[in-house]
Amino acid sequence: GLEKKVFRSKVGENVGLPCCHEIPSSQSLQNYRVYWQKNTTEVVIAYAEGKKIDKHNRYENRTEMNTSNLTLLISAVEILDNGIYQCVVQHLKPSQNPVVVCGETLTLFVTADFSEPNITTEVSAKTCESTEMVVRCSSYGGFPKAKFSGALNNESVVWNTSWVSESSLSPYNVTGELRLNVTKEDIITCSIEYDGFAKSTSLLLSK
């Protein structure tokens, strides 16, 4: 089957995406056309006969191509760089049609880390025996959506959760809310995690 090539990067990092062809040392970029494109519609960077011919303005000053192994270098990666990239290489031969040497797609998966979860509490009612409180936990600026979980004295609880994002390719803010009756001392924990990234915060609640 088709091996899915997936590359991962965090927002702000630099990433190199390999092309499917390297120009042999006996030849030069002048014998080739190379197109790096994204989602098959946007040309990120392109070279013909050794000269740079096209560049999408969103990638201006953020992308360059290695002229021998044709790796696409993207600096200061953004969430919008998520997507499928393709490197297409054509070999130009004298008095013949260009020959497509290769065209391979790969996926760039961009993530942004959520902030340390922040827990706040608000007392809504109080009696001698117990304190009723609203507990909120929030975390900001992550991508994509992540697993947002809670625990009360190490038993898992489910936050009443709302996710906010400006668009499908914008960072997410998440807030969870719980109503609790605290009769002694309780420890509430709020965690956010995905794919090797995890942060959690705990708070002691006492009546």
Protein backbone atom coordinates (compact mmCIF):
# COMPACT_ATOMS: atom_id res chain seq x y z
CA GLY A 1 0.00 0.00 0.00
CA LEU A 2 0.89 3.65 -0.15
CA GLU A 3 3.10 4.55 2.74
CA LYS A 4 1.61 7.64 4.32
CA LYS A 5 4.45 10.02 5.05
CA VAL A 6 3.54 12.17 8.01
CA PHE A 7 5.72 14.94 9.38
CA ARG A 8 4.97 16.73 12.62
CA SER A 9 5.89 20.19 13.75
CA LYS A 10 4.93 22.58 16.51
CA VAL A 11 3.90 26.14 15.81
CA GLY A 12 6.99 28.34 15.59
CA GLU A 13 9.39 25.51 14.80
CA ASN A 14 11.22 24.91 11.53
CA VAL A 15 10.54 21.82 9.46
CA GLY A 16 12.13 20.21 6.41
CA LEU A 17 9.94 18.21 4.03
CA PRO A 18 11.92 15.82 1.82
CA CYS A 19 11.28 15.61 -1.89
CA CYS A 20 11.03 12.32 -3.80
CA HIS A 21 14.12 13.00 -5.90
CA GLU A 22 17.67 14.23 -5.47
CA ILE A 23 19.52 15.84 -8.33
CA PRO A 24 22.57 13.73 -9.12
CA SER A 25 25.88 15.51 -8.71
CA SER A 26 26.56 15.11 -12.45
CA GLN A 27 23.57 17.34 -13.21
CA SER A 28 22.29 20.71 -12.09
CA LEU A 29 18.97 22.24 -11.19
CA GLN A 30 19.02 23.83 -14.65
CA ASN A 31 17.98 20.49 -16.15
CA TYR A 32 14.85 20.34 -14.02
CA ARG A 33 11.56 21.87 -13.03
CA VAL A 34 10.56 21.44 -9.43
CA TYR A 35 7.18 22.35 -7.96
CA TRP A 36 6.35 22.21 -4.30
CA GLN A 37 2.61 22.56 -3.90
CA LYS A 38 0.12 22.36 -1.08
CA ASN A 39 -3.33 20.77 -1.22
CA THR A 40 -2.65 20.47 -4.99
CA THR A 41 -3.74 24.09 -5.54
CA GLU A 42 -1.19 26.43 -3.97
CA VAL A 43 2.31 26.59 -5.34
CA VAL A 44 4.56 27.04 -2.32
CA ILE A 45 7.79 27.39 -4.27
CA ALA A 46 8.84 26.43 -7.79
CA TYR A 47 12.01 26.38 -9.86
CA ALA A 48 12.45 26.09 -13.62
CA GLU A 49 15.82 25.84 -15.35
CA GLY A 50 17.50 26.75 -12.09
CA LYS A 51 15.52 29.93 -11.45
CA LYS A 52 12.85 30.49 -8.87
CA ILE A 53 9.64 31.13 -10.79
CA ASP A 54 6.81 31.23 -8.35
CA LYS A 55 6.10 31.60 -4.72
CA HIS A 56 2.84 31.95 -2.87
CA ASN A 57 2.90 35.20 -0.91
CA ARG A 58 1.86 33.44 2.31
CA TYR A 59 5.18 31.60 2.19
CA GLU A 60 7.32 34.61 1.28
CA ASN A 61 10.44 34.74 3.47
CA ARG A 62 9.36 31.57 5.28
CA THR A 63 10.27 28.92 2.73
CA GLU A 64 13.30 27.91 0.80
CA MET A 65 14.28 24.89 -1.19
CA ASN A 66 17.55 23.06 -1.00
CA THR A 67 18.82 23.12 -4.58
CA SER A 68 20.39 19.66 -4.53
CA ASN A 69 18.13 17.39 -2.49
CA LEU A 70 15.07 19.63 -3.11
CA THR A 71 13.94 19.56 0.53
CA LEU A 72 11.35 22.22 1.31
CA LEU A 73 12.30 24.17 4.42
CA ILE A 74 9.51 26.01 6.22
CA SER A 75 10.47 28.27 9.07
CA ALA A 76 8.23 29.57 11.86
CA VAL A 77 5.53 27.00 11.10
CA GLU A 78 1.91 28.18 11.46
CA ILE A 79 -1.29 26.19 12.02
CA LEU A 80 -2.29 27.17 8.47
CA ASP A 81 0.66 25.13 7.21
CA ASN A 82 -1.27 21.96 8.13
CA GLY A 83 -2.00 19.98 5.01
CA ILE A 84 -0.85 17.78 2.20
CA TYR A 85 2.27 18.75 0.27
CA GLN A 86 3.50 17.41 -3.00
CA CYS A 87 6.88 17.65 -4.65
CA VAL A 88 6.74 17.26 -8.45
CA VAL A 89 10.01 16.96 -10.37
CA GLN A 90 10.31 17.14 -14.15
CA HIS A 91 13.50 16.42 -16.04
CA LEU A 92 14.03 18.68 -19.06
CA LYS A 93 15.70 16.98 -22.01
CA PRO A 94 16.85 18.74 -25.17
CA SER A 95 14.15 18.61 -27.90
CA GLN A 96 11.95 16.24 -25.90
CA ASN A 97 8.96 16.71 -23.67
CA PRO A 98 9.80 17.06 -19.97
CA VAL A 99 9.77 13.71 -18.17
CA VAL A 100 8.06 13.55 -14.79
CA VAL A 101 10.66 11.97 -12.53
CA CYS A 102 8.45 11.73 -9.47
CA GLY A 103 5.53 13.23 -7.65
CA GLU A 104 5.05 12.26 -4.05
CA THR A 105 2.70 13.54 -1.40
CA LEU A 106 3.30 13.90 2.29
CA THR A 107 1.32 15.31 5.18
CA LEU A 108 2.40 18.02 7.59
CA PHE A 109 0.61 17.89 10.91
CA VAL A 110 1.07 21.07 12.96
CA THR A 111 0.28 21.25 16.67
CA ALA A 112 0.36 24.03 19.25
CA ASP A 113 0.67 23.33 22.97
CA PHE A 114 -2.14 24.29 25.29
CA SER A 115 -1.36 26.47 28.29
CA GLU A 116 -1.08 25.05 31.79
CA PRO A 117 -4.68 24.42 32.93
CA ASN A 118 -5.91 27.10 35.32
CA ILE A 119 -8.50 26.19 37.97
CA THR A 120 -10.71 28.76 39.64
CA THR A 121 -13.50 28.28 42.17
CA GLU A 122 -16.56 30.25 43.15
CA VAL A 123 -18.70 29.49 46.21
CA SER A 124 -22.38 29.43 45.29
CA ALA A 125 -23.87 28.31 48.64
CA LYS A 126 -22.63 27.40 52.09
CA THR A 127 -24.10 25.45 55.00
CA CYS A 128 -22.51 24.00 58.12
CA GLU A 129 -22.12 20.62 56.51
CA SER A 130 -21.02 21.54 53.02
CA THR A 131 -20.00 24.18 50.56
CA GLU A 132 -21.46 24.21 47.09
CA MET A 133 -19.02 25.54 44.55
CA VAL A 134 -18.57 26.06 40.85
CA VAL A 135 -15.16 24.91 39.69
CA ARG A 136 -13.84 26.08 36.32
CA CYS A 137 -10.76 24.97 34.48
CA SER A 138 -9.43 26.65 31.36
CA SER A 139 -6.56 26.22 28.95
CA TYR A 140 -5.60 28.29 25.92
CA GLY A 141 -3.94 28.43 22.56
CA GLY A 142 -3.66 24.77 21.62
CA PHE A 143 -4.20 22.92 18.36
CA PRO A 144 -5.83 20.59 17.49
CA LYS A 145 -8.59 19.82 20.00
CA ALA A 146 -7.23 17.65 22.77
CA LYS A 147 -8.46 15.31 25.48
CA PHE A 148 -9.71 17.49 28.34
CA SER A 149 -10.33 15.48 31.48
CA GLY A 150 -10.98 15.90 35.16
CA ALA A 151 -10.62 13.93 38.36
CA LEU A 152 -12.02 14.41 41.83
CA ASN A 153 -9.92 12.62 44.46
CA ASN A 154 -8.48 10.54 41.60
CA GLU A 155 -11.93 9.40 40.39
CA SER A 156 -12.60 10.67 36.91
CA VAL A 157 -15.23 13.37 36.43
CA VAL A 158 -16.55 14.91 33.23
CA TRP A 159 -16.28 18.65 32.73
CA ASN A 160 -19.17 20.49 31.15
CA THR A 161 -16.90 21.67 28.36
CA SER A 162 -16.92 24.47 25.80
CA TRP A 163 -14.34 24.83 23.02
CA VAL A 164 -13.80 28.18 21.29
CA SER A 165 -11.86 28.78 18.10
CA GLU A 166 -12.02 31.51 15.46
CA SER A 167 -11.88 29.04 12.58
CA SER A 168 -11.11 25.40 11.92
CA LEU A 169 -7.42 26.33 11.60
CA SER A 170 -7.14 28.60 14.64
CA PRO A 171 -5.92 27.77 18.14
CA TYR A 172 -8.51 26.49 20.60
CA ASN A 173 -9.41 27.76 24.04
CA VAL A 174 -11.27 25.33 26.29
CA THR A 175 -13.19 25.86 29.51
CA GLY A 176 -14.75 23.18 31.67
CA GLU A 177 -17.17 23.69 34.53
CA LEU A 178 -18.31 21.49 37.43
CA ARG A 179 -20.74 22.03 40.30
CA LEU A 180 -19.53 20.30 43.43
CA ASN A 181 -20.71 19.79 46.96
CA VAL A 182 -17.62 19.82 49.13
CA THR A 183 -18.14 18.18 52.53
CA LYS A 184 -14.50 17.65 53.52
CA GLU A 185 -11.33 18.27 51.57
CA ASP A 186 -11.33 17.30 47.92
CA ILE A 187 -8.62 17.41 45.30
CA ILE A 188 -9.75 18.45 41.83
CA THR A 189 -7.44 17.80 38.91
CA CYS A 190 -7.74 19.16 35.39
CA SER A 191 -5.70 17.69 32.52
CA ILE A 192 -5.25 18.31 28.84
CA GLU A 193 -3.43 15.84 26.64
CA TYR A 194 -2.86 14.58 23.12
CA ASP A 195 -0.26 12.56 21.38
CA GLY A 196 2.59 12.76 23.85
CA PHE A 197 1.72 16.19 25.23
CA ALA A 198 0.10 16.46 28.66
CA LYS A 199 -0.31 19.11 31.33
CA SER A 200 -2.35 18.89 34.48
CA THR A 201 -3.13 21.09 37.45
CA SER A 202 -4.59 20.15 40.82
CA LEU A 203 -6.24 22.23 43.50
CA LEU A 204 -7.27 21.40 47.06
CA LEU A 205 -10.90 22.32 47.74
CA SER A 206 -11.97 22.63 51.33
CA LYS A 207 -15.36 23.53 52.73
